[in-house]
Amino acid sequence: MDIYFTAQAFDCNQFQPIEGGELETAAAVIAPLRVEGTGTEKLKVINGCNLFQGCHNQNCFYSMAARERSRSVEKKKK
């Protein structure tokens, strides 16, 4: 079985360089980072964005701000 991966470059218009700041357009690349599997035929491809550390948009799936928000929500549930 052959599996091919490719990165996707685009202009992201949801980049937020400052928490609570204005949204800006920035060059972004979404690329596969790793493949997870359990030994079965199902594989999960984990993608990432080159802007994830500098983006404070909590609504963006790839941003660090969204990851931190989801962690704080999980802690509140416990």
N, C-alpha and C. Protein backbone atom coordinates (compact mmCIF):
# COMPACT_ATOMS: atom_id res chain seq x y z
N MET A 1 0.85 -1.16 0.00
CA MET A 1 0.00 0.00 0.00
C MET A 1 0.90 1.23 0.00
N ASP A 2 0.62 2.17 -0.90
CA ASP A 2 1.34 3.43 -0.95
C ASP A 2 0.46 4.52 -0.36
N ILE A 3 1.07 5.37 0.45
CA ILE A 3 0.37 6.52 1.03
C ILE A 3 1.19 7.76 0.71
N TYR A 4 0.54 8.74 0.11
CA TYR A 4 1.22 9.97 -0.26
C TYR A 4 0.66 11.13 0.56
N PHE A 5 1.53 11.98 1.05
CA PHE A 5 1.13 13.15 1.82
C PHE A 5 1.64 14.40 1.13
N THR A 6 0.92 15.47 1.29
CA THR A 6 1.35 16.75 0.74
C THR A 6 0.92 17.87 1.67
N ALA A 7 1.65 18.95 1.64
CA ALA A 7 1.30 20.13 2.43
C ALA A 7 0.44 21.05 1.58
N GLN A 8 -0.35 21.89 2.23
CA GLN A 8 -1.21 22.83 1.53
C GLN A 8 -0.86 24.24 1.97
N ALA A 9 -0.37 25.07 1.05
CA ALA A 9 -0.07 26.47 1.35
C ALA A 9 -1.23 27.34 0.90
N PHE A 10 -1.55 28.35 1.70
CA PHE A 10 -2.67 29.25 1.37
C PHE A 10 -2.55 30.52 2.19
N ASP A 11 -3.37 31.50 1.86
CA ASP A 11 -3.45 32.74 2.64
C ASP A 11 -4.54 32.57 3.68
N CYS A 12 -4.15 32.55 4.94
CA CYS A 12 -5.09 32.41 6.06
C CYS A 12 -5.58 33.80 6.44
N ASN A 13 -6.88 34.04 6.35
CA ASN A 13 -7.42 35.36 6.73
C ASN A 13 -7.96 35.37 8.15
N GLN A 14 -7.62 34.34 8.94
CA GLN A 14 -8.09 34.24 10.32
C GLN A 14 -6.94 34.32 11.33
N PHE A 15 -5.76 34.72 10.88
CA PHE A 15 -4.59 34.82 11.76
C PHE A 15 -4.77 35.99 12.72
N GLN A 16 -4.59 35.75 14.00
CA GLN A 16 -4.74 36.77 15.03
C GLN A 16 -3.44 36.83 15.83
N PRO A 17 -2.54 37.77 15.49
CA PRO A 17 -1.23 37.81 16.13
C PRO A 17 -1.25 38.25 17.59
N ILE A 18 -2.28 38.98 17.99
CA ILE A 18 -2.40 39.47 19.36
C ILE A 18 -3.74 39.02 19.92
N GLU A 19 -3.74 38.49 21.13
CA GLU A 19 -4.98 38.03 21.75
C GLU A 19 -5.99 39.17 21.80
N GLY A 20 -7.17 38.94 21.23
CA GLY A 20 -8.22 39.96 21.20
C GLY A 20 -8.01 40.99 20.10
N GLY A 21 -6.96 40.85 19.31
CA GLY A 21 -6.65 41.81 18.26
C GLY A 21 -7.42 41.54 16.98
N GLU A 22 -7.12 42.35 15.98
CA GLU A 22 -7.76 42.22 14.67
C GLU A 22 -7.25 40.98 13.94
N LEU A 23 -8.11 40.39 13.12
CA LEU A 23 -7.71 39.28 12.27
C LEU A 23 -6.92 39.83 11.10
N GLU A 24 -5.88 39.10 10.71
CA GLU A 24 -5.03 39.49 9.60
C GLU A 24 -4.90 38.33 8.62
N THR A 25 -4.37 38.64 7.45
CA THR A 25 -4.08 37.61 6.46
C THR A 25 -2.60 37.30 6.52
N ALA A 26 -2.26 36.02 6.59
CA ALA A 26 -0.86 35.58 6.66
C ALA A 26 -0.70 34.32 5.83
N ALA A 27 0.51 34.10 5.34
CA ALA A 27 0.80 32.89 4.58
C ALA A 27 0.88 31.71 5.54
N ALA A 28 0.09 30.69 5.28
CA ALA A 28 0.05 29.52 6.17
C ALA A 28 0.30 28.25 5.37
N VAL A 29 0.78 27.24 6.07
CA VAL A 29 0.99 25.92 5.48
C VAL A 29 0.42 24.89 6.45
N ILE A 30 -0.51 24.09 5.95
CA ILE A 30 -1.03 22.96 6.72
C ILE A 30 -0.32 21.73 6.18
N ALA A 31 0.33 20.98 7.06
CA ALA A 31 1.12 19.83 6.63
C ALA A 31 0.90 18.66 7.58
N PRO A 32 1.01 17.45 7.07
CA PRO A 32 0.93 16.27 7.94
C PRO A 32 2.14 16.20 8.86
N LEU A 33 1.89 15.95 10.14
CA LEU A 33 2.97 15.88 11.14
C LEU A 33 3.29 14.45 11.53
N ARG A 34 2.26 13.64 11.68
CA ARG A 34 2.50 12.25 12.06
C ARG A 34 1.28 11.42 11.72
N VAL A 35 1.48 10.12 11.73
CA VAL A 35 0.40 9.17 11.49
C VAL A 35 0.28 8.30 12.73
N GLU A 36 -0.95 8.16 13.22
CA GLU A 36 -1.20 7.32 14.39
C GLU A 36 -2.00 6.11 13.95
N GLY A 37 -1.70 4.98 14.53
CA GLY A 37 -2.44 3.77 14.23
C GLY A 37 -2.39 2.82 15.41
N THR A 38 -3.33 1.91 15.42
CA THR A 38 -3.41 0.95 16.53
C THR A 38 -3.06 -0.46 16.08
N GLY A 39 -2.48 -0.59 14.89
CA GLY A 39 -2.16 -1.91 14.39
C GLY A 39 -3.26 -2.48 13.52
N THR A 40 -4.36 -1.76 13.40
CA THR A 40 -5.44 -2.18 12.51
C THR A 40 -5.28 -1.43 11.19
N GLU A 41 -6.25 -1.56 10.33
CA GLU A 41 -6.20 -0.87 9.04
C GLU A 41 -6.52 0.62 9.16
N LYS A 42 -7.04 1.07 10.30
CA LYS A 42 -7.39 2.48 10.46
C LYS A 42 -6.16 3.28 10.86
N LEU A 43 -5.91 4.34 10.12
CA LEU A 43 -4.83 5.26 10.42
C LEU A 43 -5.39 6.65 10.60
N LYS A 44 -4.76 7.42 11.44
CA LYS A 44 -5.19 8.80 11.68
C LYS A 44 -4.01 9.71 11.36
N VAL A 45 -4.23 10.66 10.45
CA VAL A 45 -3.19 11.61 10.07
C VAL A 45 -3.38 12.87 10.89
N ILE A 46 -2.33 13.28 11.60
CA ILE A 46 -2.36 14.49 12.41
C ILE A 46 -1.69 15.61 11.62
N ASN A 47 -2.45 16.68 11.36
CA ASN A 47 -1.94 17.82 10.60
C ASN A 47 -1.63 18.98 11.53
N GLY A 48 -0.79 19.88 11.06
CA GLY A 48 -0.45 21.06 11.84
C GLY A 48 -0.25 22.26 10.94
N CYS A 49 -0.25 23.43 11.53
CA CYS A 49 -0.10 24.70 10.83
C CYS A 49 1.19 25.38 11.28
N ASN A 50 1.87 26.01 10.35
CA ASN A 50 3.11 26.70 10.71
C ASN A 50 2.88 27.93 11.57
N LEU A 51 1.66 28.42 11.67
CA LEU A 51 1.35 29.62 12.45
C LEU A 51 0.80 29.31 13.85
N PHE A 52 0.75 28.03 14.23
CA PHE A 52 0.01 27.65 15.44
C PHE A 52 0.49 28.33 16.71
N GLN A 53 1.79 28.58 16.86
CA GLN A 53 2.28 29.19 18.09
C GLN A 53 2.01 30.69 18.15
N GLY A 54 1.99 31.34 17.00
CA GLY A 54 1.82 32.79 16.98
C GLY A 54 0.39 33.24 16.80
N CYS A 55 -0.54 32.30 16.60
CA CYS A 55 -1.94 32.66 16.36
C CYS A 55 -2.74 32.57 17.66
N HIS A 56 -3.47 33.62 17.95
CA HIS A 56 -4.27 33.67 19.19
C HIS A 56 -5.76 33.58 18.90
N ASN A 57 -6.11 33.07 17.72
CA ASN A 57 -7.51 32.89 17.36
C ASN A 57 -8.02 31.60 18.01
N GLN A 58 -8.87 31.75 19.01
CA GLN A 58 -9.37 30.59 19.73
C GLN A 58 -10.35 29.75 18.92
N ASN A 59 -10.82 30.29 17.80
CA ASN A 59 -11.75 29.57 16.95
C ASN A 59 -11.06 28.76 15.86
N CYS A 60 -9.74 28.86 15.77
CA CYS A 60 -8.99 28.12 14.75
C CYS A 60 -8.56 26.77 15.33
N PHE A 61 -8.89 25.72 14.64
CA PHE A 61 -8.58 24.37 15.09
C PHE A 61 -7.08 24.16 15.33
N TYR A 62 -6.24 24.79 14.51
CA TYR A 62 -4.80 24.56 14.55
C TYR A 62 -4.05 25.45 15.53
N SER A 63 -4.65 26.51 16.03
CA SER A 63 -3.90 27.47 16.85
C SER A 63 -3.64 26.95 18.26
N MET A 64 -2.55 27.42 18.85
CA MET A 64 -2.22 27.06 20.23
C MET A 64 -3.29 27.61 21.18
N ALA A 65 -3.86 28.76 20.85
CA ALA A 65 -4.89 29.36 21.70
C ALA A 65 -6.11 28.45 21.81
N ALA A 66 -6.48 27.81 20.72
CA ALA A 66 -7.62 26.89 20.75
C ALA A 66 -7.30 25.66 21.59
N ARG A 67 -6.06 25.18 21.52
CA ARG A 67 -5.66 24.03 22.33
C ARG A 67 -5.69 24.38 23.81
N GLU A 68 -5.19 25.56 24.15
CA GLU A 68 -5.20 25.99 25.55
C GLU A 68 -6.62 26.18 26.05
N ARG A 69 -7.50 26.71 25.20
CA ARG A 69 -8.90 26.91 25.59
C ARG A 69 -9.56 25.57 25.86
N SER A 70 -9.32 24.59 25.00
CA SER A 70 -9.95 23.28 25.19
C SER A 70 -9.42 22.60 26.45
N ARG A 71 -8.15 22.81 26.77
CA ARG A 71 -7.59 22.25 28.01
C ARG A 71 -8.24 22.89 29.24
N SER A 72 -8.46 24.21 29.20
CA SER A 72 -9.05 24.88 30.35
C SER A 72 -10.51 24.47 30.51
N VAL A 73 -11.21 24.23 29.42
CA VAL A 73 -12.60 23.76 29.48
C VAL A 73 -12.64 22.36 30.09
N GLU A 74 -11.71 21.51 29.71
CA GLU A 74 -11.66 20.14 30.26
C GLU A 74 -11.38 20.18 31.75
N LYS A 75 -10.50 21.08 32.20
CA LYS A 75 -10.20 21.18 33.63
C LYS A 75 -11.42 21.65 34.42
N LYS A 76 -12.21 22.56 33.86
CA LYS A 76 -13.41 23.05 34.53
C LYS A 76 -14.45 21.95 34.67
N LYS A 77 -14.51 21.02 33.72
CA LYS A 77 -15.47 19.92 33.77
C LYS A 77 -15.15 18.94 34.88
N LYS A 78 -13.87 18.83 35.26
CA LYS A 78 -13.46 17.85 36.27
C LYS A 78 -13.74 18.31 37.66
